[in-house]
Protein backbone atom coordinates (compact mmCIF):
# COMPACT_ATOMS: atom_id res chain seq x y z
CA GLN A 1 38.34 70.31 209.34
CA VAL A 2 42.55 70.34 208.64
CA GLN A 3 43.57 73.44 207.63
CA LEU A 4 47.15 74.15 206.34
CA VAL A 5 49.03 77.19 206.21
CA GLU A 6 52.13 77.67 203.37
CA SER A 7 54.76 79.67 203.59
CA GLY A 8 58.41 80.72 202.13
CA GLY A 9 57.95 80.48 198.47
CA GLY A 10 59.51 83.25 196.47
CA LEU A 11 61.87 84.29 193.46
CA VAL A 12 65.56 82.99 193.82
CA GLN A 13 68.34 82.28 191.71
CA ALA A 14 69.40 79.23 189.96
CA GLY A 15 71.59 77.59 192.16
CA GLY A 16 70.25 79.18 195.57
CA SER A 17 67.79 77.48 198.08
CA LEU A 18 64.36 77.91 199.90
CA ARG A 19 62.51 76.27 202.55
CA LEU A 20 58.92 76.24 202.46
CA SER A 21 57.04 75.29 205.91
CA CYS A 22 53.61 74.03 205.96
CA ALA A 23 51.49 74.18 209.18
CA ALA A 24 48.81 71.98 210.00
CA SER A 25 46.00 72.56 212.24
CA GLY A 26 46.02 68.78 213.02
CA ARG A 27 48.74 66.84 215.09
CA LEU A 28 50.96 65.13 212.29
CA PHE A 29 50.78 61.93 213.94
CA ASP A 30 46.98 62.19 212.87
CA PHE A 31 48.15 61.94 209.23
CA ASN A 32 49.13 58.96 207.58
CA ALA A 33 51.24 61.16 205.32
CA MET A 34 52.02 64.86 204.35
CA GLY A 35 54.01 66.20 201.72
CA TRP A 36 54.43 68.48 198.53
CA TYR A 37 53.06 68.54 195.37
CA ARG A 38 53.97 71.06 192.46
CA GLN A 39 52.55 72.13 189.65
CA ALA A 40 54.46 74.09 186.75
CA PRO A 41 51.93 76.08 184.21
CA GLY A 42 50.63 73.94 181.15
CA ARG A 43 51.99 70.63 183.46
CA GLN A 44 50.21 68.35 185.76
CA ARG A 45 50.85 68.33 189.53
CA GLU A 46 53.36 66.12 190.58
CA LEU A 47 54.84 64.76 193.66
CA VAL A 48 57.54 66.35 194.98
CA ALA A 49 58.35 64.68 198.56
CA PHE A 50 56.38 62.96 201.43
CA ILE A 51 56.87 62.12 204.83
CA THR A 52 54.82 59.39 206.94
CA SER A 53 53.63 59.33 210.20
CA GLY A 54 56.74 57.00 211.24
CA GLY A 55 59.14 59.41 209.76
CA SER A 56 59.56 57.67 206.37
CA THR A 57 60.40 59.95 203.40
CA SER A 58 60.38 59.72 199.99
CA TYR A 59 61.22 62.05 196.60
CA ALA A 60 60.76 62.51 193.40
CA ASP A 61 63.59 61.53 191.45
CA SER A 62 63.87 65.02 189.85
CA VAL A 63 64.59 66.59 193.16
CA GLU A 64 66.54 63.68 194.90
CA GLY A 65 69.52 64.54 196.71
CA ARG A 66 68.60 68.30 196.14
CA PHE A 67 65.52 68.90 198.35
CA THR A 68 64.78 67.43 202.08
CA ILE A 69 61.57 66.97 203.65
CA SER A 70 61.34 67.23 207.50
CA ARG A 71 58.93 67.78 210.20
CA ASP A 72 58.84 69.65 213.53
CA ILE A 73 56.14 67.10 215.43
CA ALA A 74 55.94 70.00 218.25
CA LYS A 75 54.81 72.90 215.67
CA ASN A 76 52.64 70.43 213.58
CA THR A 77 54.80 71.76 210.72
CA VAL A 78 56.40 70.31 207.73
CA TYR A 79 59.12 71.75 205.83
CA LEU A 80 60.80 71.40 202.23
CA GLN A 81 64.32 72.23 202.34
CA MET A 82 65.22 73.02 198.30
CA ASN A 83 69.01 73.26 197.68
CA GLY A 84 70.53 73.46 194.14
CA LEU A 85 67.28 75.02 192.74
CA LYS A 86 66.91 74.79 188.82
CA ARG A 87 64.77 76.91 186.81
CA GLU A 88 62.68 73.71 185.99
CA ASP A 89 61.69 73.52 189.83
CA THR A 90 59.67 76.81 188.91
CA ALA A 91 55.98 75.91 189.93
CA VAL A 92 53.58 76.45 192.66
CA TYR A 93 54.10 73.87 195.40
CA TYR A 94 51.00 72.86 197.23
CA CYS A 95 51.23 71.08 200.90
CA TYR A 96 48.91 68.29 201.52
CA THR A 97 48.21 65.89 204.11
CA GLU A 98 46.80 62.61 203.62
CA SER A 99 44.59 60.92 206.11
CA PHE A 100 44.50 57.46 207.60
CA VAL A 101 40.97 56.70 206.87
CA PHE A 102 40.25 56.64 202.76
CA LEU A 103 43.42 58.22 202.29
CA GLU A 104 41.89 61.32 201.77
CA ARG A 105 44.21 64.42 201.07
CA THR A 106 43.56 68.11 202.07
CA TRP A 107 45.63 70.89 200.41
CA GLY A 108 47.27 73.84 200.96
CA GLN A 109 46.60 77.46 198.95
CA GLY A 110 49.94 76.60 197.18
CA THR A 111 52.94 78.97 197.11
CA GLN A 112 54.78 80.47 194.10
CA VAL A 113 58.24 79.39 193.54
CA THR A 114 60.34 80.79 190.52
CA VAL A 115 63.57 80.07 189.89
CA SER A 116 65.64 82.66 187.48
CA SER A 117 68.50 82.11 185.51
């Protein structure tokens, strides 16, 4: 079973930057896609960004131009570089992988990102 280990969350002032990391126990090419969701208190979990096995990326409108998803294939790790952080980016961020077969998803434990004004 795939295991995901996230790191990089924390407290940052508005306008600042953070980089989240998600290390997978499997090879990135074993996954159809890998990415990040986030969930703020009282809100539904929402997709932030993902990267496919072919390297294509996609972003939520709310983070387009501020966040960048990338990967290090040798390290089986996906990153989320977050710049220009806003208070509304405050949430628990969850890494996920999506399998080729049945598009099954595996989730990380989540990492808290808090943006203060």
